[in-house]
Amino acid sequence: MTFSEALRRVTVISVTALSLILLTIPTASAQPELVITVGDTIAAPGTINTVISVSLDNYHDTVAGFNLWLQLGNPDIMSFQTNEATVIDTSYWDCITYSGEDCIDSVLTNPLGDWDFIHIDTNDVQIGSFDTTGTLVGGWQNVAARSLSGTGLDLNIVGIARMPFQPELPGIPPGNHGETPLIKLLADVYDIPDTATDRTVQIMVQWQFIDHFSWSRPDGSLIGIVYDTILDTNYFLCTQWAGSECLKWEKVPSPPADSIEINEILAPRVDTLTVIIDNGSLTVSGSSFCGNIDGDDSPEPNIADLTYLVSFLFIGGPPPEPLWVADLDCTGGEPNIGDLTYLVAFLFTGGVAPCDVEACW
């Protein structure tokens, strides 16, 4: 082998190795624009006005408006607090297809822009209860919530920092990282018996429905939305002929039809690479929780629990009921000296809280 041939082989091997190294270097993932988090909450059976906290982290843009729809995964644990009311809804529409003087296809539009007609509805709705004190939307000019199902098992929240022709409001500037809640929703917990094993309800953000999930900048443009090009097929049926000429068309959902129109349209969807959703939950506590050794109503272990455990371990006192509430060090089995030592450290020397007790407060 000549020197030049060996050099060429080394060069090829080096280039190949470099290519493999470059392929194995991870690419930078998309940076989040928004993180929406529903808090995890614990409440006692029958509690009213339980706070469900929703927080927002926005990294790049000022948020001046939003629409957020929450649904419960279990209808037997709690409901959002609602009150019945009669409201008048006005919607604005832009006609995109006419047949003579009749509009046969229209889209909902902004009342501040061009529109062709309005639609007024009077509806009996369930208005959701919420608290904006100390939240990011405190002082916003329009914040409203409704149960779209009318049952309180869902809640659609809309917030607008500045309404048309009103004084300027800054919205939520970037850099907020969840220290202050976006909004606090109120819920009522059902009177769940201690014997019930299913005690948690998931509180889910319905981000898949773009009509009920949107976040906007002050100029009205949407945050965290991407657009896919899709084919939109429309079918039309002629309802009035003049010989071979159609004088009036009616849009129909499917064939049979006299005319078909196919258009390329941009369909919006949430960019799940830059919009992060963290669903929440509510768990109903019971009278039995780890650390409540004497079975009283105290929300955390205290001297009475220590006295009860000492009596059981050393002088034949009654056992904790159930026994697992005294398994403070999470070792399993019946209560023992290790559990007593754990409780003493927690009560008097700043030791770690008994197992699971923090989750039950």
Protein backbone atom coordinates (compact mmCIF):
# COMPACT_ATOMS: atom_id res chain seq x y z
CA MET A 1 0.00 0.00 0.00
CA THR A 2 1.40 3.38 -0.92
CA PHE A 3 1.44 6.31 1.48
CA SER A 4 -1.16 8.20 -0.59
CA GLU A 5 -3.55 5.22 -0.55
CA ALA A 6 -3.26 4.92 3.23
CA LEU A 7 -3.90 8.66 3.62
CA ARG A 8 -7.01 8.42 1.47
CA ARG A 9 -8.34 5.54 3.60
CA VAL A 10 -7.68 7.42 6.85
CA THR A 11 -9.43 10.47 5.41
CA VAL A 12 -12.52 8.41 4.43
CA ILE A 13 -12.65 6.79 7.89
CA SER A 14 -12.31 10.19 9.59
CA VAL A 15 -15.11 11.75 7.53
CA THR A 16 -17.34 8.75 8.22
CA ALA A 17 -16.66 8.92 11.96
CA LEU A 18 -17.36 12.67 11.98
CA SER A 19 -20.67 12.07 10.22
CA LEU A 20 -21.67 9.48 12.83
CA ILE A 21 -20.77 11.87 15.64
CA LEU A 22 -22.84 14.65 14.11
CA LEU A 23 -25.80 12.31 13.69
CA THR A 24 -25.71 11.38 17.37
CA ILE A 25 -25.69 14.97 18.64
CA PRO A 26 -29.27 15.77 19.80
CA THR A 27 -30.94 18.66 18.05
CA ALA A 28 -32.40 21.48 20.09
CA SER A 29 -36.05 20.86 20.88
CA ALA A 30 -38.67 23.50 20.27
CA GLN A 31 -38.80 26.04 23.06
CA PRO A 32 -42.21 26.31 24.77
CA GLU A 33 -44.29 29.39 24.18
CA LEU A 34 -47.01 28.62 26.70
CA VAL A 35 -47.38 26.21 29.61
CA ILE A 36 -50.91 25.87 31.00
CA THR A 37 -51.14 24.05 34.32
CA VAL A 38 -54.22 23.03 36.27
CA GLY A 39 -53.34 22.52 39.92
CA ASP A 40 -53.76 19.35 41.95
CA THR A 41 -56.14 19.94 44.85
CA ILE A 42 -57.28 18.02 47.92
CA ALA A 43 -60.58 18.73 49.66
CA ALA A 44 -62.73 17.17 52.33
CA PRO A 45 -66.09 15.58 51.45
CA GLY A 46 -68.89 18.11 51.03
CA THR A 47 -66.57 21.13 50.76
CA ILE A 48 -67.97 24.10 48.86
CA ASN A 49 -65.97 26.92 47.25
CA THR A 50 -62.95 24.67 46.72
CA VAL A 51 -60.36 26.59 44.70
CA ILE A 52 -59.13 25.05 41.43
CA SER A 53 -56.08 27.07 40.43
CA VAL A 54 -55.01 27.48 36.80
CA SER A 55 -51.56 28.89 36.08
CA LEU A 56 -49.83 30.20 32.95
CA ASP A 57 -46.19 30.39 31.94
CA ASN A 58 -45.69 32.58 28.86
CA TYR A 59 -42.16 32.86 27.55
CA HIS A 60 -42.18 35.04 24.43
CA ASP A 61 -45.41 37.00 23.95
CA THR A 62 -47.79 39.18 25.90
CA VAL A 63 -51.10 37.39 26.43
CA ALA A 64 -54.03 39.77 26.00
CA GLY A 65 -56.85 37.24 25.61
CA PHE A 66 -57.59 33.55 26.01
CA ASN A 67 -60.26 30.87 25.77
CA LEU A 68 -59.85 27.79 27.93
CA TRP A 69 -62.21 24.81 28.26
CA LEU A 70 -61.91 22.38 31.18
CA GLN A 71 -63.76 19.09 31.54
CA LEU A 72 -64.01 16.63 34.43
CA GLY A 73 -62.98 13.03 33.88
CA ASN A 74 -65.28 11.69 36.62
CA PRO A 75 -68.81 13.07 37.18
CA ASP A 76 -69.19 11.60 40.68
CA ILE A 77 -66.59 13.56 42.66
CA MET A 78 -67.21 17.29 42.18
CA SER A 79 -68.69 19.91 39.89
CA PHE A 80 -67.68 23.43 39.00
CA GLN A 81 -69.79 25.93 40.89
CA THR A 82 -72.39 27.48 38.56
CA ASN A 83 -75.46 29.67 38.73
CA GLU A 84 -78.29 29.80 36.19
CA ALA A 85 -78.71 33.03 34.25
CA THR A 86 -80.33 34.32 31.07
CA VAL A 87 -77.96 36.03 28.67
CA ILE A 88 -78.22 37.65 25.26
CA ASP A 89 -75.51 36.54 22.85
CA THR A 90 -74.75 38.54 19.70
CA SER A 91 -72.56 37.00 17.01
CA TYR A 92 -71.25 38.65 13.85
CA TRP A 93 -71.06 36.83 10.50
CA ASP A 94 -69.34 37.40 7.17
CA CYS A 95 -71.04 35.88 4.11
CA ILE A 96 -68.54 34.08 1.87
CA THR A 97 -70.97 32.59 -0.69
CA TYR A 98 -74.14 34.15 -2.10
CA SER A 99 -76.89 32.65 -4.21
CA GLY A 100 -78.63 35.70 -5.61
CA GLU A 101 -79.42 37.82 -2.58
CA ASP A 102 -79.33 34.83 -0.22
CA CYS A 103 -76.24 33.94 1.79
CA ILE A 104 -75.63 30.20 1.63
CA ASP A 105 -72.28 30.01 3.42
CA SER A 106 -70.92 32.27 6.17
CA VAL A 107 -68.25 32.40 8.87
CA LEU A 108 -68.13 33.91 12.33
CA THR A 109 -66.12 37.12 12.32
CA ASN A 110 -64.79 39.93 14.51
CA PRO A 111 -67.35 42.65 15.28
CA LEU A 112 -64.62 45.28 14.83
CA GLY A 113 -64.05 44.24 11.21
CA ASP A 114 -66.33 43.92 8.20
CA TRP A 115 -69.45 41.80 8.72
CA ASP A 116 -72.65 41.21 6.76
CA PHE A 117 -75.21 40.28 9.40
CA ILE A 118 -75.65 39.61 13.11
CA HIS A 119 -77.36 36.81 14.98
CA ILE A 120 -78.93 37.39 18.40
CA ASP A 121 -79.72 34.51 20.76
CA THR A 122 -81.32 34.53 24.19
CA ASN A 123 -80.08 31.58 26.21
CA ASP A 124 -80.47 30.13 29.67
CA VAL A 125 -76.89 29.26 30.67
CA GLN A 126 -74.92 28.11 33.68
CA ILE A 127 -72.48 30.85 34.70
CA GLY A 128 -69.31 29.59 36.36
CA SER A 129 -67.99 31.05 39.61
CA PHE A 130 -64.39 32.24 39.83
CA ASP A 131 -62.10 34.57 41.75
CA THR A 132 -59.68 36.98 40.08
CA THR A 133 -58.28 38.47 43.31
CA GLY A 134 -54.50 38.27 43.21
CA THR A 135 -54.50 36.62 39.77
CA LEU A 136 -53.03 37.55 36.40
CA VAL A 137 -56.46 38.56 35.06
CA GLY A 138 -57.32 40.80 37.99
CA GLY A 139 -58.50 44.09 36.47
CA TRP A 140 -59.15 42.64 33.01
CA GLN A 141 -62.18 44.22 31.37
CA ASN A 142 -63.93 40.96 30.47
CA VAL A 143 -63.61 37.60 32.22
CA ALA A 144 -66.48 35.12 31.97
CA ALA A 145 -67.07 31.41 32.52
CA ARG A 146 -69.86 29.07 31.45
CA SER A 147 -70.62 25.40 31.66
CA LEU A 148 -71.20 24.53 27.99
CA SER A 149 -72.93 21.28 28.96
CA GLY A 150 -75.13 23.06 31.49
CA THR A 151 -74.21 20.48 34.12
CA GLY A 152 -71.20 22.02 35.85
CA LEU A 153 -69.02 19.13 34.71
CA ASP A 154 -67.14 21.46 32.37
CA LEU A 155 -66.24 25.12 32.34
CA ASN A 156 -65.32 27.37 29.41
CA ILE A 157 -63.39 30.48 30.51
CA VAL A 158 -62.87 33.55 28.33
CA GLY A 159 -60.67 36.48 29.25
CA ILE A 160 -60.03 39.74 27.37
CA ALA A 161 -57.68 42.33 28.83
CA ARG A 162 -59.07 45.27 26.87
CA MET A 163 -62.49 45.55 25.30
CA PRO A 164 -63.01 47.74 22.19
CA PHE A 165 -62.90 51.48 22.79
CA GLN A 166 -61.80 50.99 26.41
CA PRO A 167 -58.58 52.22 28.06
CA GLU A 168 -55.42 50.29 27.31
CA LEU A 169 -54.43 47.37 29.54
CA PRO A 170 -51.06 45.67 29.21
CA GLY A 171 -52.16 42.02 29.35
CA ILE A 172 -49.75 39.43 30.75
CA PRO A 173 -46.17 40.20 29.68
CA PRO A 174 -43.68 37.42 28.91
CA GLY A 175 -41.53 36.16 31.71
CA ASN A 176 -44.38 35.08 33.96
CA HIS A 177 -43.51 31.65 35.34
CA GLY A 178 -46.50 30.51 37.34
CA GLU A 179 -45.80 32.37 40.59
CA THR A 180 -49.21 34.04 40.32
CA PRO A 181 -52.27 32.03 39.21
CA LEU A 182 -53.99 32.93 35.97
CA ILE A 183 -57.42 32.46 37.53
CA LYS A 184 -59.01 30.67 40.49
CA LEU A 185 -62.12 28.62 39.75
CA LEU A 186 -64.61 27.53 42.40
CA ALA A 187 -65.90 23.99 42.75
CA ASP A 188 -68.21 22.07 45.07
CA VAL A 189 -67.13 18.63 46.28
CA TYR A 190 -69.72 15.91 46.72
CA ASP A 191 -70.20 14.20 50.08
CA ILE A 192 -68.04 11.17 49.30
CA PRO A 193 -68.22 8.41 51.97
CA ASP A 194 -65.01 7.05 53.47
CA THR A 195 -65.84 3.65 51.98
CA ALA A 196 -65.52 4.99 48.42
CA THR A 197 -62.28 3.91 46.75
CA ASP A 198 -62.56 6.16 43.69
CA ARG A 199 -61.76 9.56 45.20
CA THR A 200 -59.95 11.46 42.43
CA VAL A 201 -61.29 13.36 39.43
CA GLN A 202 -59.08 14.47 36.54
CA ILE A 203 -59.49 18.10 35.42
CA MET A 204 -58.56 18.11 31.74
CA VAL A 205 -57.80 20.94 29.32
CA GLN A 206 -59.66 20.32 26.06
CA TRP A 207 -56.96 21.72 23.79
CA GLN A 208 -58.02 19.59 20.78
CA PHE A 209 -61.07 21.81 20.22
CA ILE A 210 -59.59 24.90 18.61
CA ASP A 211 -62.83 26.88 19.05
CA HIS A 212 -62.37 26.63 22.81
CA PHE A 213 -58.61 26.83 23.18
CA SER A 214 -56.83 29.97 22.05
CA TRP A 215 -54.31 32.50 23.38
CA SER A 216 -53.85 35.84 21.67
CA ARG A 217 -51.43 38.74 21.60
CA PRO A 218 -52.59 42.38 21.93
CA ASP A 219 -52.89 42.66 18.13
CA GLY A 220 -55.28 39.68 18.06
CA SER A 221 -52.87 37.18 16.49
CA LEU A 222 -52.85 33.71 18.01
CA ILE A 223 -50.03 32.18 20.04
CA GLY A 224 -48.97 28.56 19.60
CA ILE A 225 -51.11 27.85 16.54
CA VAL A 226 -49.89 26.28 13.30
CA TYR A 227 -51.82 25.80 10.06
CA ASP A 228 -52.19 22.74 7.87
CA THR A 229 -53.30 22.91 4.25
CA ILE A 230 -56.30 20.63 3.67
CA LEU A 231 -58.90 20.14 0.96
CA ASP A 232 -62.36 21.46 1.74
CA THR A 233 -65.19 20.01 -0.36
CA ASN A 234 -68.54 21.81 -0.58
CA TYR A 235 -71.70 20.42 -2.18
CA PHE A 236 -74.46 22.54 -3.72
CA LEU A 237 -77.96 21.63 -4.83
CA CYS A 238 -79.85 23.82 -7.27
CA THR A 239 -83.31 24.74 -5.97
CA GLN A 240 -84.40 26.97 -8.88
CA TRP A 241 -83.64 26.34 -12.54
CA ALA A 242 -84.22 28.53 -15.59
CA GLY A 243 -83.71 26.06 -18.39
CA SER A 244 -80.15 24.80 -17.92
CA GLU A 245 -79.15 27.76 -15.73
CA CYS A 246 -79.38 27.60 -11.95
CA LEU A 247 -80.81 30.73 -10.35
CA LYS A 248 -80.54 29.66 -6.71
CA TRP A 249 -78.16 27.30 -4.96
CA GLU A 250 -78.46 25.63 -1.58
CA LYS A 251 -75.44 24.26 0.24
CA VAL A 252 -75.91 20.64 1.35
CA PRO A 253 -73.68 18.51 3.58
CA SER A 254 -73.19 15.62 1.13
CA PRO A 255 -74.24 14.20 -2.27
CA PRO A 256 -76.52 14.06 -4.16
CA ALA A 257 -75.51 17.47 -5.45
CA ASP A 258 -75.58 19.43 -8.71
CA SER A 259 -72.23 21.13 -8.13
CA ILE A 260 -69.07 20.39 -6.17
CA GLU A 261 -66.51 22.97 -5.09
CA ILE A 262 -63.06 21.94 -3.78
CA ASN A 263 -60.84 24.51 -2.12
CA GLU A 264 -57.52 24.43 -0.35
CA ILE A 265 -57.93 25.94 3.11
CA LEU A 266 -55.65 26.50 6.08
CA ALA A 267 -56.85 24.54 9.14
CA PRO A 268 -55.51 25.73 12.49
CA ARG A 269 -54.32 23.37 15.23
CA VAL A 270 -52.42 23.68 18.49
CA ASP A 271 -48.67 23.29 18.15
CA THR A 272 -48.07 20.68 20.85
CA LEU A 273 -44.29 21.23 20.58
CA THR A 274 -44.56 24.78 21.89
CA VAL A 275 -47.80 24.66 23.91
CA ILE A 276 -47.50 22.41 26.96
CA ILE A 277 -50.61 21.22 28.81
CA ASP A 278 -50.47 19.91 32.37
CA ASN A 279 -53.86 18.58 33.49
CA GLY A 280 -54.85 18.69 37.15
CA SER A 281 -56.93 16.73 39.61
CA LEU A 282 -59.00 16.94 42.76
CA THR A 283 -58.82 14.22 45.39
CA VAL A 284 -61.37 13.88 48.17
CA SER A 285 -59.72 13.14 51.51
CA GLY A 286 -61.24 10.88 54.13
CA SER A 287 -61.19 10.82 57.90
CA SER A 288 -58.49 8.14 57.62
CA PHE A 289 -55.11 9.39 56.46
CA CYS A 290 -51.55 8.55 57.34
CA GLY A 291 -50.72 10.22 60.66
CA ASN A 292 -54.29 10.61 61.93
CA ILE A 293 -53.72 7.90 64.52
CA ASP A 294 -56.44 8.91 66.99
CA GLY A 295 -59.07 9.36 64.26
CA ASP A 296 -59.98 12.96 65.12
CA ASP A 297 -60.64 15.81 62.70
CA SER A 298 -57.16 17.34 62.94
CA PRO A 299 -55.69 18.08 59.49
CA GLU A 300 -52.20 16.90 60.58
CA PRO A 301 -50.53 14.70 63.21
CA ASN A 302 -50.28 16.19 66.72
CA ILE A 303 -49.55 15.32 70.36
CA ALA A 304 -52.84 13.44 70.67
CA ASP A 305 -51.71 11.09 67.89
CA LEU A 306 -48.39 10.55 69.67
CA THR A 307 -50.16 9.77 72.95
CA TYR A 308 -52.47 7.31 71.20
CA LEU A 309 -49.53 5.50 69.56
CA VAL A 310 -47.58 5.29 72.86
CA SER A 311 -50.66 3.86 74.59
CA PHE A 312 -51.07 1.20 71.88
CA LEU A 313 -47.40 0.20 71.81
CA PHE A 314 -46.65 0.13 75.58
CA ILE A 315 -49.77 -0.08 77.77
CA GLY A 316 -52.25 -2.11 75.74
CA GLY A 317 -54.30 0.78 74.38
CA PRO A 318 -56.66 0.31 71.44
CA PRO A 319 -55.06 -0.07 68.01
CA PRO A 320 -55.22 2.68 65.39
CA GLU A 321 -58.16 2.20 63.05
CA PRO A 322 -57.17 1.29 60.38
CA LEU A 323 -53.65 0.18 61.28
CA TRP A 324 -52.02 1.73 58.20
CA VAL A 325 -52.61 5.28 59.49
CA ALA A 326 -49.75 4.64 61.97
CA ASP A 327 -47.32 3.31 59.32
CA LEU A 328 -45.52 6.64 59.46
CA ASP A 329 -42.20 5.45 58.01
CA CYS A 330 -43.86 3.58 55.12
CA THR A 331 -42.28 0.23 55.97
CA GLY A 332 -45.54 -1.74 56.02
CA GLY A 333 -46.82 -4.04 58.73
CA GLU A 334 -48.11 -3.13 62.19
CA PRO A 335 -47.03 0.07 63.96
CA ASN A 336 -43.73 -0.23 65.83
CA ILE A 337 -40.96 1.76 67.51
CA GLY A 338 -39.74 3.00 64.15
CA ASP A 339 -43.06 4.72 63.53
CA LEU A 340 -42.98 6.25 67.02
CA THR A 341 -39.45 7.60 66.43
CA TYR A 342 -40.54 9.03 63.07
CA LEU A 343 -43.51 10.86 64.65
CA VAL A 344 -41.39 12.28 67.49
CA ALA A 345 -38.87 13.65 64.97
CA PHE A 346 -41.67 15.24 62.93
CA LEU A 347 -43.34 16.88 65.95
CA PHE A 348 -40.27 18.11 67.84
CA THR A 349 -37.14 18.27 65.68
CA GLY A 350 -38.39 19.27 62.21
CA GLY A 351 -38.34 15.75 60.79
CA VAL A 352 -39.91 14.78 57.49
CA ALA A 353 -43.72 14.63 57.42
CA PRO A 354 -45.28 11.17 57.82
CA CYS A 355 -45.90 9.18 54.68
CA ASP A 356 -48.52 10.67 52.35
CA VAL A 357 -49.74 13.09 54.96
CA GLU A 358 -48.80 16.15 52.89
CA ALA A 359 -50.83 14.78 50.00
CA CYS A 360 -53.91 14.64 52.25
CA TRP A 361 -53.79 18.21 53.52
